[in-house]
C-alpha cells in the first residue's frame, strides 16, 4: 500500500507564494504518475498538475503560475505556487498512481492540505 503525505499548505495573501510537498512511502514496483488535485467547497475535485511518463499536464487555470517538480529517488512531488489568487483557496490533494509487484495498478491519495488565499 502506498502512503501519501502532503505538507506545505497554509494561509497567504493574494499575490503570495506557497510550496506544497508530497512524499509517497511505498515498497512498490513503480510509481508511474504523481501530481496534485484540488477541491474547493461546493466544487468538484479538479486537476492542478500531474507528471509522469515524461510529460506534465496543468489545469487550464494555472496559466504559468504554478510549477510541478519531482524527486524520483524520494518518490516526492512538489508544487510551487506563485501569484496566488483567492480563487485558489481549496484543499490540495496529492495523487500517486503506481504499479505493484503483481503488476496491478493503484491510485492513492493524500489526506489533503488546506491552502487559503486572502484578498
C-alpha atoms as a PDB file:
ATOM      1  CA  UNK A   1       0.000   0.000   0.000  1.00  0.00           C
ATOM      2  CA  UNK A   2       1.211   3.469  -0.836  1.00  0.00           C
ATOM      3  CA  UNK A   3       1.100   6.056   1.925  1.00  0.00           C
ATOM      4  CA  UNK A   4       0.918   9.598   0.685  1.00  0.00           C
ATOM      5  CA  UNK A   5       1.800  12.514   2.945  1.00  0.00           C
ATOM      6  CA  UNK A   6       1.435  16.169   1.988  1.00  0.00           C
ATOM      7  CA  UNK A   7       2.781  19.274   3.653  1.00  0.00           C
ATOM      8  CA  UNK A   8       3.176  22.963   2.985  1.00  0.00           C
ATOM      9  CA  UNK A   9      -0.340  24.361   2.936  1.00  0.00           C
ATOM     10  CA  UNK A  10      -1.333  27.443   4.854  1.00  0.00           C
ATOM     11  CA  UNK A  11      -2.662  30.982   4.726  1.00  0.00           C
ATOM     12  CA  UNK A  12      -1.185  33.508   2.333  1.00  0.00           C
ATOM     13  CA  UNK A  13      -2.188  36.876   0.952  1.00  0.00           C
ATOM     14  CA  UNK A  14      -3.178  37.290  -2.676  1.00  0.00           C
ATOM     15  CA  UNK A  15      -0.081  37.542  -4.844  1.00  0.00           C
ATOM     16  CA  UNK A  16       1.947  35.441  -2.450  1.00  0.00           C
ATOM     17  CA  UNK A  17       3.555  32.038  -2.865  1.00  0.00           C
ATOM     18  CA  UNK A  18       3.391  28.613  -1.282  1.00  0.00           C
ATOM     19  CA  UNK A  19       5.239  25.368  -1.919  1.00  0.00           C
ATOM     20  CA  UNK A  20       3.499  22.065  -1.392  1.00  0.00           C
ATOM     21  CA  UNK A  21       5.391  18.841  -0.851  1.00  0.00           C
ATOM     22  CA  UNK A  22       4.283  15.255  -1.104  1.00  0.00           C
ATOM     23  CA  UNK A  23       6.127  12.039  -0.423  1.00  0.00           C
ATOM     24  CA  UNK A  24       4.902   8.562  -1.258  1.00  0.00           C
ATOM     25  CA  UNK A  25       6.075   5.916   1.148  1.00  0.00           C
ATOM     26  CA  UNK A  26       5.944   2.748  -0.822  1.00  0.00           C
ATOM     27  CA  UNK A  27       7.527  -0.583  -1.499  1.00  0.00           C
ATOM     28  CA  UNK A  28       6.126  -0.922  -4.956  1.00  0.00           C
ATOM     29  CA  UNK A  29       7.375  -1.847  -8.363  1.00  0.00           C
ATOM     30  CA  UNK A  30       7.000   1.571  -9.923  1.00  0.00           C
ATOM     31  CA  UNK A  31       5.474   4.967  -9.284  1.00  0.00           C
ATOM     32  CA  UNK A  32       4.003   5.990 -12.627  1.00  0.00           C
ATOM     33  CA  UNK A  33       2.348   9.334 -12.038  1.00  0.00           C
ATOM     34  CA  UNK A  34       2.361  11.868  -9.236  1.00  0.00           C
ATOM     35  CA  UNK A  35       0.556  15.121  -9.041  1.00  0.00           C
ATOM     36  CA  UNK A  36      -1.884  17.466  -7.411  1.00  0.00           C
ATOM     37  CA  UNK A  37      -5.632  17.969  -7.476  1.00  0.00           C
ATOM     38  CA  UNK A  38      -7.691  20.445  -5.521  1.00  0.00           C
ATOM     39  CA  UNK A  39     -11.229  20.765  -4.252  1.00  0.00           C
ATOM     40  CA  UNK A  40     -12.894  23.973  -3.200  1.00  0.00           C
ATOM     41  CA  UNK A  41     -16.088  23.999  -1.094  1.00  0.00           C
ATOM     42  CA  UNK A  42     -19.091  23.100  -3.207  1.00  0.00           C
ATOM     43  CA  UNK A  43     -16.968  22.257  -6.241  1.00  0.00           C
ATOM     44  CA  UNK A  44     -15.681  19.097  -7.841  1.00  0.00           C
ATOM     45  CA  UNK A  45     -12.104  17.988  -7.447  1.00  0.00           C
ATOM     46  CA  UNK A  46     -10.022  19.312 -10.324  1.00  0.00           C
ATOM     47  CA  UNK A  47      -6.598  18.733 -11.790  1.00  0.00           C
ATOM     48  CA  UNK A  48      -3.884  21.165 -10.770  1.00  0.00           C
ATOM     49  CA  UNK A  49      -0.797  19.450 -12.196  1.00  0.00           C
ATOM     50  CA  UNK A  50       0.441  15.931 -12.809  1.00  0.00           C
ATOM     51  CA  UNK A  51       3.644  14.480 -14.156  1.00  0.00           C
ATOM     52  CA  UNK A  52       4.525  11.039 -15.360  1.00  0.00           C
ATOM     53  CA  UNK A  53       5.831   9.212 -18.364  1.00  0.00           C
ATOM     54  CA  UNK A  54       7.962  12.209 -19.209  1.00  0.00           C
ATOM     55  CA  UNK A  55       5.055  14.581 -19.569  1.00  0.00           C
ATOM     56  CA  UNK A  56       3.467  17.290 -17.454  1.00  0.00           C
ATOM     57  CA  UNK A  57      -0.118  18.475 -17.546  1.00  0.00           C
ATOM     58  CA  UNK A  58      -1.501  21.562 -15.837  1.00  0.00           C
ATOM     59  CA  UNK A  59      -5.048  22.661 -15.231  1.00  0.00           C
ATOM     60  CA  UNK A  60      -6.187  25.478 -17.503  1.00  0.00           C
ATOM     61  CA  UNK A  61      -6.463  27.910 -14.606  1.00  0.00           C
ATOM     62  CA  UNK A  62      -2.759  27.586 -13.749  1.00  0.00           C
ATOM     63  CA  UNK A  63      -1.663  29.873 -16.606  1.00  0.00           C
ATOM     64  CA  UNK A  64       2.026  29.682 -15.773  1.00  0.00           C
ATOM     65  CA  UNK A  65       1.664  30.480 -12.070  1.00  0.00           C
ATOM     66  CA  UNK A  66       2.410  27.007 -10.705  1.00  0.00           C
ATOM     67  CA  UNK A  67       5.316  24.649 -11.323  1.00  0.00           C
ATOM     68  CA  UNK A  68       5.340  20.934 -10.575  1.00  0.00           C
ATOM     69  CA  UNK A  69       8.586  19.078  -9.991  1.00  0.00           C
ATOM     70  CA  UNK A  70       9.651  15.735  -8.613  1.00  0.00           C
ATOM     71  CA  UNK A  71      12.429  13.820  -6.947  1.00  0.00           C
ATOM     72  CA  UNK A  72      12.132  10.240  -8.127  1.00  0.00           C
ATOM     73  CA  UNK A  73      14.701   8.999  -5.614  1.00  0.00           C
ATOM     74  CA  UNK A  74      12.384  10.126  -2.816  1.00  0.00           C
ATOM     75  CA  UNK A  75       9.114   9.382  -4.632  1.00  0.00           C
ATOM     76  CA  UNK A  76       8.319  13.005  -3.966  1.00  0.00           C
ATOM     77  CA  UNK A  77       6.479  15.669  -5.881  1.00  0.00           C
ATOM     78  CA  UNK A  78       6.376  19.389  -5.270  1.00  0.00           C
ATOM     79  CA  UNK A  79       4.110  22.222  -6.331  1.00  0.00           C
ATOM     80  CA  UNK A  80       5.461  25.753  -6.341  1.00  0.00           C
ATOM     81  CA  UNK A  81       2.538  28.143  -6.437  1.00  0.00           C
ATOM     82  CA  UNK A  82       3.150  31.802  -7.227  1.00  0.00           C
ATOM     83  CA  UNK A  83       0.833  34.751  -7.797  1.00  0.00           C
ATOM     84  CA  UNK A  84      -1.846  33.083  -5.731  1.00  0.00           C
ATOM     85  CA  UNK A  85      -5.410  34.300  -6.026  1.00  0.00           C
ATOM     86  CA  UNK A  86      -8.333  33.989  -3.596  1.00  0.00           C
ATOM     87  CA  UNK A  87      -9.947  31.559  -6.037  1.00  0.00           C
ATOM     88  CA  UNK A  88      -7.010  29.203  -5.477  1.00  0.00           C
ATOM     89  CA  UNK A  89      -8.349  28.583  -1.980  1.00  0.00           C
ATOM     90  CA  UNK A  90      -9.022  24.858  -1.696  1.00  0.00           C
ATOM     91  CA  UNK A  91      -7.872  21.609  -0.183  1.00  0.00           C
ATOM     92  CA  UNK A  92      -4.981  20.325  -2.265  1.00  0.00           C
ATOM     93  CA  UNK A  93      -4.569  16.572  -2.599  1.00  0.00           C
ATOM     94  CA  UNK A  94      -1.508  14.674  -3.687  1.00  0.00           C
ATOM     95  CA  UNK A  95      -2.169  11.838  -6.115  1.00  0.00           C
ATOM     96  CA  UNK A  96       0.005   8.797  -6.790  1.00  0.00           C
ATOM     97  CA  UNK A  97      -0.569   6.199  -9.465  1.00  0.00           C
ATOM     98  CA  UNK A  98       1.651   3.145  -9.107  1.00  0.00           C
ATOM     99  CA  UNK A  99       2.173  -0.427 -10.200  1.00  0.00           C
ATOM    100  CA  UNK A 100       2.801  -3.078  -7.565  1.00  0.00           C
ATOM    101  CA  UNK A 101       4.961  -6.192  -7.780  1.00  0.00           C
ATOM    102  CA  UNK A 102       1.955  -8.132  -9.041  1.00  0.00           C
ATOM    103  CA  UNK A 103       1.686  -5.623 -11.908  1.00  0.00           C
ATOM    104  CA  UNK A 104      -1.564  -4.245 -10.553  1.00  0.00           C
ATOM    105  CA  UNK A 105      -2.166  -0.524 -10.743  1.00  0.00           C
ATOM    106  CA  UNK A 106      -3.214   1.570  -7.780  1.00  0.00           C
ATOM    107  CA  UNK A 107      -4.492   5.095  -7.256  1.00  0.00           C
ATOM    108  CA  UNK A 108      -3.701   6.612  -3.868  1.00  0.00           C
ATOM    109  CA  UNK A 109      -4.444   9.990  -2.345  1.00  0.00           C
ATOM    110  CA  UNK A 110      -3.055  12.013   0.494  1.00  0.00           C
ATOM    111  CA  UNK A 111      -5.198  13.404   3.270  1.00  0.00           C
ATOM    112  CA  UNK A 112      -5.173  16.874   1.761  1.00  0.00           C
ATOM    113  CA  UNK A 113      -3.613  20.151   2.798  1.00  0.00           C
ATOM    114  CA  UNK A 114      -5.555  23.389   3.083  1.00  0.00           C
ATOM    115  CA  UNK A 115      -4.474  26.395   1.053  1.00  0.00           C
ATOM    116  CA  UNK A 116      -6.216  29.649   1.884  1.00  0.00           C
ATOM    117  CA  UNK A 117      -5.551  32.840  -0.070  1.00  0.00           C
ATOM    118  CA  UNK A 118      -6.847  36.050   1.454  1.00  0.00           C
ATOM    119  CA  UNK A 119      -7.732  39.087  -0.619  1.00  0.00           C
END
